[in-house]
């Protein structure tokens, strides 16, 4: 699976952004998809994950109620809708793919990665 993330940009606190991750490869519909982020000087952290069918979603506590992960298997695309953005959301956001949901929060369990898209939230 090859992944291409897009949709990042510079926004103000309280604004919204929608990230997209386009996948190529016939195994996309069977893959668990995740979003991770990495802020300058910090480790990569889990943001959200979605099962292959889309019926199960998971979020890190700091984004619950603000971010929504979704997927369209017909378009081979996963999305991250980010609302009420905060300066602490500033990071490079990466999409990733793997098989299986066990340890969905662990970036080392993901096999495929996109190139990242930068989100900058000004106060």
N, C-alpha and C. Protein backbone atom coordinates (compact mmCIF):
# COMPACT_ATOMS: atom_id res chain seq x y z
N UNK A 1 0.84 -1.19 0.00
CA UNK A 1 0.00 0.00 0.00
C UNK A 1 0.88 1.25 0.00
N UNK A 2 0.59 2.15 -0.91
CA UNK A 2 1.28 3.44 -0.93
C UNK A 2 0.30 4.51 -0.49
N UNK A 3 0.77 5.42 0.36
CA UNK A 3 -0.10 6.40 0.97
C UNK A 3 0.36 7.82 0.67
N UNK A 4 -0.60 8.69 0.41
CA UNK A 4 -0.31 10.09 0.10
C UNK A 4 -1.23 10.96 0.94
N UNK A 5 -0.65 11.65 1.92
CA UNK A 5 -1.43 12.52 2.80
C UNK A 5 -1.46 13.93 2.25
N UNK A 6 -2.57 14.61 2.50
CA UNK A 6 -2.72 16.00 2.06
C UNK A 6 -3.73 16.70 2.95
N UNK A 7 -3.80 18.03 2.79
CA UNK A 7 -4.81 18.80 3.50
C UNK A 7 -4.30 19.65 4.64
N UNK A 8 -3.02 19.55 4.94
CA UNK A 8 -2.47 20.36 6.01
C UNK A 8 -2.41 21.83 5.62
N UNK A 9 -2.11 22.66 6.61
CA UNK A 9 -1.99 24.08 6.33
C UNK A 9 -1.86 24.88 7.60
N UNK A 10 -1.91 26.18 7.44
CA UNK A 10 -1.82 27.11 8.57
C UNK A 10 -3.21 27.65 8.86
N UNK A 11 -3.66 27.43 10.09
CA UNK A 11 -4.98 27.90 10.50
C UNK A 11 -4.86 28.56 11.87
N UNK A 12 -5.95 29.21 12.26
CA UNK A 12 -5.99 29.82 13.58
C UNK A 12 -6.69 28.88 14.56
N UNK A 13 -6.42 29.10 15.82
CA UNK A 13 -7.07 28.31 16.85
C UNK A 13 -8.59 28.41 16.70
N UNK A 14 -9.24 27.26 16.81
CA UNK A 14 -10.69 27.21 16.65
C UNK A 14 -11.15 26.84 15.26
N UNK A 15 -10.24 26.91 14.29
CA UNK A 15 -10.58 26.57 12.91
C UNK A 15 -10.64 25.06 12.71
N UNK A 16 -11.01 24.68 11.51
CA UNK A 16 -11.10 23.27 11.14
C UNK A 16 -10.24 22.97 9.92
N UNK A 17 -9.83 21.73 9.82
CA UNK A 17 -9.12 21.22 8.65
C UNK A 17 -9.55 19.78 8.44
N UNK A 18 -9.51 19.36 7.19
CA UNK A 18 -9.74 17.95 6.90
C UNK A 18 -8.53 17.40 6.16
N UNK A 19 -7.90 16.43 6.77
CA UNK A 19 -6.79 15.74 6.13
C UNK A 19 -7.31 14.55 5.35
N UNK A 20 -6.65 14.30 4.24
CA UNK A 20 -6.99 13.14 3.42
C UNK A 20 -5.75 12.28 3.23
N UNK A 21 -5.99 11.02 3.07
CA UNK A 21 -4.89 10.09 2.81
C UNK A 21 -5.37 9.14 1.71
N UNK A 22 -4.80 9.32 0.53
CA UNK A 22 -5.16 8.50 -0.61
C UNK A 22 -4.23 7.30 -0.68
N UNK A 23 -4.81 6.14 -0.85
CA UNK A 23 -4.03 4.91 -0.88
C UNK A 23 -4.10 4.25 -2.23
N UNK A 24 -3.03 3.65 -2.61
CA UNK A 24 -3.03 2.83 -3.81
C UNK A 24 -2.72 1.40 -3.41
N UNK A 25 -3.24 0.47 -4.13
CA UNK A 25 -3.03 -0.91 -3.78
C UNK A 25 -4.35 -1.58 -3.43
N UNK A 26 -4.50 -2.77 -3.83
CA UNK A 26 -5.78 -3.46 -3.68
C UNK A 26 -6.07 -3.89 -2.26
N UNK A 27 -5.12 -3.77 -1.33
CA UNK A 27 -5.35 -4.22 0.03
C UNK A 27 -5.88 -3.12 0.94
N UNK A 28 -6.14 -1.93 0.39
CA UNK A 28 -6.57 -0.82 1.24
C UNK A 28 -7.82 -1.17 2.02
N UNK A 29 -8.81 -1.73 1.34
CA UNK A 29 -10.08 -1.98 2.00
C UNK A 29 -9.96 -2.97 3.15
N UNK A 30 -8.91 -3.75 3.16
CA UNK A 30 -8.72 -4.71 4.24
C UNK A 30 -7.77 -4.23 5.30
N UNK A 31 -7.31 -3.00 5.19
CA UNK A 31 -6.31 -2.47 6.11
C UNK A 31 -6.92 -1.61 7.20
N UNK A 32 -6.35 -1.72 8.38
CA UNK A 32 -6.62 -0.76 9.44
C UNK A 32 -5.81 0.49 9.12
N UNK A 33 -6.45 1.65 9.25
CA UNK A 33 -5.79 2.90 8.94
C UNK A 33 -5.64 3.74 10.20
N UNK A 34 -4.52 4.41 10.30
CA UNK A 34 -4.28 5.25 11.47
C UNK A 34 -3.72 6.60 11.07
N UNK A 35 -3.91 7.56 11.97
CA UNK A 35 -3.28 8.87 11.86
C UNK A 35 -2.39 9.05 13.08
N UNK A 36 -1.20 9.51 12.82
CA UNK A 36 -0.24 9.83 13.87
C UNK A 36 0.25 11.25 13.64
N UNK A 37 0.86 11.83 14.64
CA UNK A 37 1.42 13.16 14.48
C UNK A 37 2.73 13.26 15.25
N UNK A 38 3.56 14.17 14.77
CA UNK A 38 4.83 14.39 15.43
C UNK A 38 5.12 15.88 15.45
N UNK A 39 5.19 16.42 16.65
CA UNK A 39 5.52 17.82 16.83
C UNK A 39 7.03 17.96 16.95
N UNK A 40 7.56 19.14 16.66
CA UNK A 40 9.02 19.34 16.75
C UNK A 40 9.56 18.98 18.13
N UNK A 41 10.58 18.14 18.14
CA UNK A 41 11.21 17.77 19.39
C UNK A 41 10.46 16.72 20.20
N UNK A 42 9.38 16.21 19.64
CA UNK A 42 8.59 15.21 20.36
C UNK A 42 8.51 13.91 19.58
N UNK A 43 8.13 12.87 20.28
CA UNK A 43 7.97 11.57 19.64
C UNK A 43 6.67 11.53 18.84
N UNK A 44 6.64 10.63 17.88
CA UNK A 44 5.42 10.42 17.12
C UNK A 44 4.35 9.85 18.04
N UNK A 45 3.14 10.40 17.94
CA UNK A 45 2.08 9.95 18.81
C UNK A 45 0.84 9.56 18.02
N UNK A 46 0.11 8.63 18.58
CA UNK A 46 -1.13 8.15 17.98
C UNK A 46 -2.20 9.23 18.07
N UNK A 47 -2.98 9.37 16.99
CA UNK A 47 -4.09 10.31 16.98
C UNK A 47 -5.42 9.57 16.86
N UNK A 48 -5.55 8.73 15.83
CA UNK A 48 -6.82 8.05 15.59
C UNK A 48 -6.57 6.83 14.72
N UNK A 49 -7.50 5.87 14.81
CA UNK A 49 -7.44 4.68 13.97
C UNK A 49 -8.85 4.24 13.63
N UNK A 50 -8.96 3.52 12.52
CA UNK A 50 -10.26 3.06 12.06
C UNK A 50 -10.11 1.66 11.50
N UNK A 51 -11.08 0.81 11.81
CA UNK A 51 -11.06 -0.56 11.31
C UNK A 51 -11.28 -0.59 9.81
N UNK A 52 -11.06 -1.74 9.22
CA UNK A 52 -11.15 -1.84 7.76
C UNK A 52 -12.57 -1.55 7.27
N UNK A 53 -13.56 -1.88 8.07
CA UNK A 53 -14.95 -1.65 7.66
C UNK A 53 -15.45 -0.27 8.08
N UNK A 54 -14.71 0.38 8.95
CA UNK A 54 -15.13 1.69 9.43
C UNK A 54 -16.05 1.66 10.62
N UNK A 55 -16.36 0.47 11.14
CA UNK A 55 -17.33 0.39 12.23
C UNK A 55 -16.70 0.62 13.60
N UNK A 56 -15.39 0.61 13.65
CA UNK A 56 -14.71 0.86 14.92
C UNK A 56 -13.67 1.97 14.73
N UNK A 57 -13.73 2.93 15.63
CA UNK A 57 -12.78 4.04 15.60
C UNK A 57 -12.19 4.24 16.99
N UNK A 58 -10.98 4.76 17.02
CA UNK A 58 -10.27 4.96 18.27
C UNK A 58 -9.55 6.31 18.20
N UNK A 59 -9.48 6.97 19.35
CA UNK A 59 -8.86 8.29 19.40
C UNK A 59 -8.01 8.42 20.65
N UNK A 60 -6.98 9.22 20.54
CA UNK A 60 -6.27 9.60 21.74
C UNK A 60 -7.13 10.60 22.51
N UNK A 61 -6.97 10.63 23.81
CA UNK A 61 -7.87 11.43 24.65
C UNK A 61 -7.88 12.91 24.26
N UNK A 62 -6.75 13.44 23.86
CA UNK A 62 -6.66 14.88 23.62
C UNK A 62 -7.44 15.35 22.39
N UNK A 63 -7.87 14.43 21.54
CA UNK A 63 -8.61 14.84 20.34
C UNK A 63 -10.05 14.34 20.35
N UNK A 64 -10.42 13.56 21.34
CA UNK A 64 -11.80 13.05 21.40
C UNK A 64 -12.79 14.19 21.44
N UNK A 65 -13.83 14.08 20.61
CA UNK A 65 -14.83 15.12 20.54
C UNK A 65 -14.49 16.23 19.57
N UNK A 66 -13.25 16.29 19.11
CA UNK A 66 -12.83 17.32 18.16
C UNK A 66 -12.46 16.74 16.80
N UNK A 67 -11.84 15.58 16.79
CA UNK A 67 -11.40 14.95 15.55
C UNK A 67 -12.29 13.76 15.22
N UNK A 68 -12.46 13.51 13.92
CA UNK A 68 -13.22 12.36 13.46
C UNK A 68 -12.47 11.68 12.32
N UNK A 69 -12.23 10.40 12.49
CA UNK A 69 -11.60 9.62 11.42
C UNK A 69 -12.69 8.88 10.67
N UNK A 70 -12.54 8.82 9.36
CA UNK A 70 -13.50 8.11 8.53
C UNK A 70 -12.76 7.57 7.31
N UNK A 71 -13.45 6.72 6.57
CA UNK A 71 -12.82 6.17 5.38
C UNK A 71 -13.86 5.90 4.32
N UNK A 72 -13.42 5.95 3.09
CA UNK A 72 -14.25 5.62 1.94
C UNK A 72 -13.49 4.57 1.14
N UNK A 73 -13.85 3.33 1.32
CA UNK A 73 -13.11 2.25 0.67
C UNK A 73 -13.27 2.28 -0.85
N UNK A 74 -14.38 2.83 -1.32
CA UNK A 74 -14.58 2.93 -2.77
C UNK A 74 -13.59 3.92 -3.39
N UNK A 75 -13.15 4.89 -2.59
CA UNK A 75 -12.20 5.89 -3.06
C UNK A 75 -10.79 5.64 -2.54
N UNK A 76 -10.62 4.57 -1.79
CA UNK A 76 -9.30 4.26 -1.22
C UNK A 76 -8.74 5.45 -0.44
N UNK A 77 -9.58 6.04 0.35
CA UNK A 77 -9.18 7.26 1.06
C UNK A 77 -9.64 7.21 2.52
N UNK A 78 -8.77 7.68 3.38
CA UNK A 78 -9.12 7.85 4.79
C UNK A 78 -9.01 9.34 5.11
N UNK A 79 -9.88 9.81 5.99
CA UNK A 79 -9.95 11.23 6.31
C UNK A 79 -9.75 11.45 7.80
N UNK A 80 -9.29 12.63 8.13
CA UNK A 80 -9.26 13.07 9.52
C UNK A 80 -9.84 14.48 9.56
N UNK A 81 -11.07 14.57 10.02
CA UNK A 81 -11.71 15.87 10.20
C UNK A 81 -11.29 16.43 11.54
N UNK A 82 -10.68 17.59 11.53
CA UNK A 82 -10.17 18.20 12.75
C UNK A 82 -10.90 19.50 13.01
N UNK A 83 -11.64 19.57 14.08
CA UNK A 83 -12.38 20.76 14.46
C UNK A 83 -11.81 21.35 15.74
N UNK A 84 -12.15 22.59 15.99
CA UNK A 84 -11.71 23.28 17.21
C UNK A 84 -10.21 23.09 17.44
N UNK A 85 -9.46 23.35 16.42
CA UNK A 85 -8.02 23.13 16.50
C UNK A 85 -7.36 24.03 17.54
N UNK A 86 -6.34 23.49 18.17
CA UNK A 86 -5.60 24.19 19.21
C UNK A 86 -4.13 24.29 18.80
N UNK A 87 -3.42 25.25 19.33
CA UNK A 87 -1.99 25.36 19.01
C UNK A 87 -1.23 24.07 19.30
N UNK A 88 -1.62 23.34 20.31
CA UNK A 88 -0.94 22.09 20.65
C UNK A 88 -1.21 20.97 19.65
N UNK A 89 -2.09 21.20 18.68
CA UNK A 89 -2.30 20.24 17.60
C UNK A 89 -1.28 20.41 16.49
N UNK A 90 -0.47 21.45 16.58
CA UNK A 90 0.54 21.70 15.56
C UNK A 90 1.52 20.54 15.48
N UNK A 91 1.66 19.98 14.29
CA UNK A 91 2.53 18.82 14.09
C UNK A 91 2.50 18.42 12.62
N UNK A 92 3.39 17.53 12.27
CA UNK A 92 3.29 16.85 10.99
C UNK A 92 2.40 15.63 11.22
N UNK A 93 1.39 15.49 10.40
CA UNK A 93 0.44 14.40 10.53
C UNK A 93 0.73 13.35 9.46
N UNK A 94 0.77 12.10 9.92
CA UNK A 94 1.06 10.98 9.05
C UNK A 94 -0.11 10.00 9.04
N UNK A 95 -0.41 9.48 7.87
CA UNK A 95 -1.35 8.37 7.82
C UNK A 95 -0.55 7.07 7.68
N UNK A 96 -1.13 6.00 8.14
CA UNK A 96 -0.43 4.73 8.15
C UNK A 96 -1.43 3.60 7.99
N UNK A 97 -0.92 2.47 7.54
CA UNK A 97 -1.78 1.32 7.29
C UNK A 97 -1.16 0.06 7.88
N UNK A 98 -2.02 -0.85 8.28
CA UNK A 98 -1.56 -2.12 8.82
C UNK A 98 -2.70 -3.12 8.74
N UNK A 99 -2.41 -4.35 9.05
CA UNK A 99 -3.46 -5.36 9.18
C UNK A 99 -3.67 -5.62 10.66
N UNK A 100 -4.90 -5.80 11.07
CA UNK A 100 -5.20 -6.09 12.46
C UNK A 100 -5.32 -4.85 13.32
N UNK A 101 -6.12 -4.93 14.36
CA UNK A 101 -6.38 -3.80 15.26
C UNK A 101 -5.62 -3.90 16.58
N UNK A 102 -5.00 -5.00 16.86
CA UNK A 102 -4.31 -5.13 18.14
C UNK A 102 -3.20 -4.10 18.23
N UNK A 103 -3.13 -3.44 19.38
CA UNK A 103 -2.13 -2.39 19.59
C UNK A 103 -2.23 -1.31 18.51
N UNK A 104 -3.43 -0.87 18.21
CA UNK A 104 -3.66 0.10 17.15
C UNK A 104 -2.95 1.41 17.42
N UNK A 105 -2.62 1.69 18.68
CA UNK A 105 -1.98 2.94 19.04
C UNK A 105 -0.46 2.93 18.84
N UNK A 106 0.09 1.77 18.55
CA UNK A 106 1.53 1.59 18.48
C UNK A 106 2.03 1.80 17.05
N UNK A 107 2.77 2.87 16.82
CA UNK A 107 3.19 3.18 15.46
C UNK A 107 4.11 2.10 14.90
N UNK A 108 4.77 1.36 15.74
CA UNK A 108 5.67 0.31 15.25
C UNK A 108 4.92 -0.86 14.64
N UNK A 109 3.61 -0.93 14.88
CA UNK A 109 2.80 -2.02 14.32
C UNK A 109 2.29 -1.71 12.92
N UNK A 110 2.50 -0.48 12.46
CA UNK A 110 2.02 -0.08 11.14
C UNK A 110 3.11 -0.34 10.10
N UNK A 111 2.69 -0.89 8.96
CA UNK A 111 3.65 -1.33 7.95
C UNK A 111 3.91 -0.28 6.88
N UNK A 112 2.91 0.54 6.61
CA UNK A 112 3.00 1.49 5.52
C UNK A 112 2.72 2.90 6.02
N UNK A 113 3.48 3.86 5.49
CA UNK A 113 3.37 5.23 5.94
C UNK A 113 3.31 6.19 4.77
N UNK A 114 2.51 7.26 4.95
CA UNK A 114 2.53 8.36 4.01
C UNK A 114 3.66 9.32 4.36
N UNK A 115 3.81 10.35 3.56
CA UNK A 115 4.93 11.27 3.71
C UNK A 115 4.70 12.35 4.76
N UNK A 116 3.49 12.52 5.22
CA UNK A 116 3.21 13.53 6.24
C UNK A 116 2.73 14.83 5.64
N UNK A 117 1.86 15.50 6.38
CA UNK A 117 1.37 16.81 5.99
C UNK A 117 1.39 17.71 7.23
N UNK A 118 1.89 18.92 7.06
CA UNK A 118 2.09 19.81 8.19
C UNK A 118 0.82 20.59 8.53
N UNK A 119 0.47 20.54 9.80
CA UNK A 119 -0.63 21.33 10.33
C UNK A 119 -0.06 22.31 11.34
N UNK A 120 -0.31 23.58 11.12
CA UNK A 120 0.16 24.62 12.03
C UNK A 120 -1.04 25.42 12.51
N UNK A 121 -1.21 25.47 13.82
CA UNK A 121 -2.33 26.18 14.42
C UNK A 121 -1.78 27.35 15.21
N UNK A 122 -2.13 28.54 14.80
CA UNK A 122 -1.66 29.74 15.49
C UNK A 122 -2.67 30.17 16.55
N UNK A 123 -2.16 30.78 17.59
CA UNK A 123 -3.03 31.19 18.70
C UNK A 123 -3.61 32.58 18.47
